[in-house]
Amino acid sequence: MDHSSITGRQLAAARTLAELSQADVAKAANVSIPTLKRMEGASGSVPGMTNNVAAVVRALEAAGIAFIDGDYAGSGGPGVRLRDGQG
């Protein structure tokens, strides 16, 4: 998935679904908590440096999250889910 298509709501939903705090994700991604808060607060595509967005996505994927883009059949738009065997 192209990280430029990730939305702030997806990041926030993914973190919540993985039962992680902002501090947990920020530490795993090596970004600051304020940076993560700005990312999650975006109403559309996540602002910020692409390497930071990619690091947050990788941290959430490592926690068992799968990102679903808006083209996924039947999804109704971008979203997140736990991968099989997670949770």
C-alpha atoms as a PDB file:
ATOM      1  CA  MET A   1       0.000   0.000   0.000  1.00  0.00           C
ATOM      2  CA  ASP A   2       1.203   3.474  -0.873  1.00  0.00           C
ATOM      3  CA  HIS A   3       1.819   5.281   2.421  1.00  0.00           C
ATOM      4  CA  SER A   4       0.706   8.567   0.881  1.00  0.00           C
ATOM      5  CA  SER A   5      -2.843   7.194   0.822  1.00  0.00           C
ATOM      6  CA  ILE A   6      -2.923   6.461   4.581  1.00  0.00           C
ATOM      7  CA  THR A   7      -5.304   8.735   6.484  1.00  0.00           C
ATOM      8  CA  GLY A   8      -5.037  10.106   9.985  1.00  0.00           C
ATOM      9  CA  ARG A   9      -8.214   8.274  10.945  1.00  0.00           C
ATOM     10  CA  GLN A  10      -6.691   4.994   9.775  1.00  0.00           C
ATOM     11  CA  LEU A  11      -3.657   5.544  12.001  1.00  0.00           C
ATOM     12  CA  ALA A  12      -5.805   6.381  15.029  1.00  0.00           C
ATOM     13  CA  ALA A  13      -8.121   3.423  14.397  1.00  0.00           C
ATOM     14  CA  ALA A  14      -5.180   1.079  13.879  1.00  0.00           C
ATOM     15  CA  ARG A  15      -3.541   2.167  17.130  1.00  0.00           C
ATOM     16  CA  THR A  16      -6.790   1.709  19.036  1.00  0.00           C
ATOM     17  CA  LEU A  17      -7.452  -1.689  17.452  1.00  0.00           C
ATOM     18  CA  ALA A  18      -3.937  -2.818  18.393  1.00  0.00           C
ATOM     19  CA  GLU A  19      -4.573  -1.559  21.958  1.00  0.00           C
ATOM     20  CA  LEU A  20      -1.482   0.651  21.894  1.00  0.00           C
ATOM     21  CA  SER A  21      -1.007   4.102  23.393  1.00  0.00           C
ATOM     22  CA  GLN A  22       0.332   7.009  21.382  1.00  0.00           C
ATOM     23  CA  ALA A  23       3.516   6.723  23.437  1.00  0.00           C
ATOM     24  CA  ASP A  24       3.845   3.028  22.483  1.00  0.00           C
ATOM     25  CA  VAL A  25       3.505   3.702  18.760  1.00  0.00           C
ATOM     26  CA  ALA A  26       5.691   6.814  18.830  1.00  0.00           C
ATOM     27  CA  LYS A  27       8.459   4.879  20.570  1.00  0.00           C
ATOM     28  CA  ALA A  28       8.192   1.902  18.183  1.00  0.00           C
ATOM     29  CA  ALA A  29       8.283   4.245  15.173  1.00  0.00           C
ATOM     30  CA  ASN A  30      10.970   6.523  16.625  1.00  0.00           C
ATOM     31  CA  VAL A  31       8.830   9.653  16.212  1.00  0.00           C
ATOM     32  CA  SER A  32       7.702  12.148  18.822  1.00  0.00           C
ATOM     33  CA  ILE A  33       4.272  11.937  20.427  1.00  0.00           C
ATOM     34  CA  PRO A  34       3.319  15.400  19.071  1.00  0.00           C
ATOM     35  CA  THR A  35       4.272  14.204  15.563  1.00  0.00           C
ATOM     36  CA  LEU A  36       2.046  11.137  15.943  1.00  0.00           C
ATOM     37  CA  LYS A  37      -0.783  13.295  17.290  1.00  0.00           C
ATOM     38  CA  ARG A  38      -0.553  15.555  14.230  1.00  0.00           C
ATOM     39  CA  MET A  39      -0.598  12.524  11.960  1.00  0.00           C
ATOM     40  CA  GLU A  40      -3.644  11.011  13.666  1.00  0.00           C
ATOM     41  CA  GLY A  41      -5.446  14.353  13.685  1.00  0.00           C
ATOM     42  CA  ALA A  42      -5.350  14.699   9.908  1.00  0.00           C
ATOM     43  CA  SER A  43      -8.787  14.487   8.324  1.00  0.00           C
ATOM     44  CA  GLY A  44      -7.304  13.251   5.045  1.00  0.00           C
ATOM     45  CA  SER A  45      -3.915  11.956   3.987  1.00  0.00           C
ATOM     46  CA  VAL A  46      -1.345  12.011   6.756  1.00  0.00           C
ATOM     47  CA  PRO A  47       0.875  15.091   6.690  1.00  0.00           C
ATOM     48  CA  GLY A  48       4.532  14.899   7.456  1.00  0.00           C
ATOM     49  CA  MET A  49       7.717  13.367   6.221  1.00  0.00           C
ATOM     50  CA  THR A  50       7.142  10.171   4.272  1.00  0.00           C
ATOM     51  CA  ASN A  51       9.777   8.314   6.292  1.00  0.00           C
ATOM     52  CA  ASN A  52       7.899   9.121   9.534  1.00  0.00           C
ATOM     53  CA  VAL A  53       4.581   7.967   8.060  1.00  0.00           C
ATOM     54  CA  ALA A  54       6.223   4.763   6.836  1.00  0.00           C
ATOM     55  CA  ALA A  55       7.770   4.150  10.278  1.00  0.00           C
ATOM     56  CA  VAL A  56       4.393   4.513  12.014  1.00  0.00           C
ATOM     57  CA  VAL A  57       2.726   2.212   9.483  1.00  0.00           C
ATOM     58  CA  ARG A  58       5.493  -0.396   9.975  1.00  0.00           C
ATOM     59  CA  ALA A  59       5.124  -0.197  13.765  1.00  0.00           C
ATOM     60  CA  LEU A  60       1.375  -0.748  13.506  1.00  0.00           C
ATOM     61  CA  GLU A  61       1.790  -3.570  10.995  1.00  0.00           C
ATOM     62  CA  ALA A  62       4.257  -5.210  13.397  1.00  0.00           C
ATOM     63  CA  ALA A  63       1.504  -5.033  16.027  1.00  0.00           C
ATOM     64  CA  GLY A  64      -0.788  -7.050  13.755  1.00  0.00           C
ATOM     65  CA  ILE A  65      -2.605  -4.358  11.791  1.00  0.00           C
ATOM     66  CA  ALA A  66      -3.457  -4.636   8.094  1.00  0.00           C
ATOM     67  CA  PHE A  67      -4.215  -1.405   6.261  1.00  0.00           C
ATOM     68  CA  ILE A  68      -7.024  -1.576   3.694  1.00  0.00           C
ATOM     69  CA  ASP A  69      -7.059   0.915   0.859  1.00  0.00           C
ATOM     70  CA  GLY A  70     -10.200   2.393  -0.644  1.00  0.00           C
ATOM     71  CA  ASP A  71     -10.024   0.060  -3.637  1.00  0.00           C
ATOM     72  CA  TYR A  72     -10.417  -3.083  -1.513  1.00  0.00           C
ATOM     73  CA  ALA A  73     -13.576  -4.885  -2.713  1.00  0.00           C
ATOM     74  CA  GLY A  74     -16.504  -4.167  -0.431  1.00  0.00           C
ATOM     75  CA  SER A  75     -14.522  -2.028   1.981  1.00  0.00           C
ATOM     76  CA  GLY A  76     -16.418   1.200   1.417  1.00  0.00           C
ATOM     77  CA  GLY A  77     -13.166   3.117   1.695  1.00  0.00           C
ATOM     78  CA  PRO A  78      -9.867   2.978   3.534  1.00  0.00           C
ATOM     79  CA  GLY A  79      -9.743   1.106   6.815  1.00  0.00           C
ATOM     80  CA  VAL A  80      -7.818  -1.226   9.098  1.00  0.00           C
ATOM     81  CA  ARG A  81      -8.231  -4.704  10.481  1.00  0.00           C
ATOM     82  CA  LEU A  82      -6.341  -7.197  12.589  1.00  0.00           C
ATOM     83  CA  ARG A  83      -4.480  -9.770  10.564  1.00  0.00           C
ATOM     84  CA  ASP A  84      -5.549 -13.394  10.974  1.00  0.00           C
ATOM     85  CA  GLY A  85      -4.300 -14.863  14.229  1.00  0.00           C
ATOM     86  CA  GLN A  86      -4.034 -11.447  15.944  1.00  0.00           C
ATOM     87  CA  GLY A  87      -6.012 -10.151  18.892  1.00  0.00           C
END
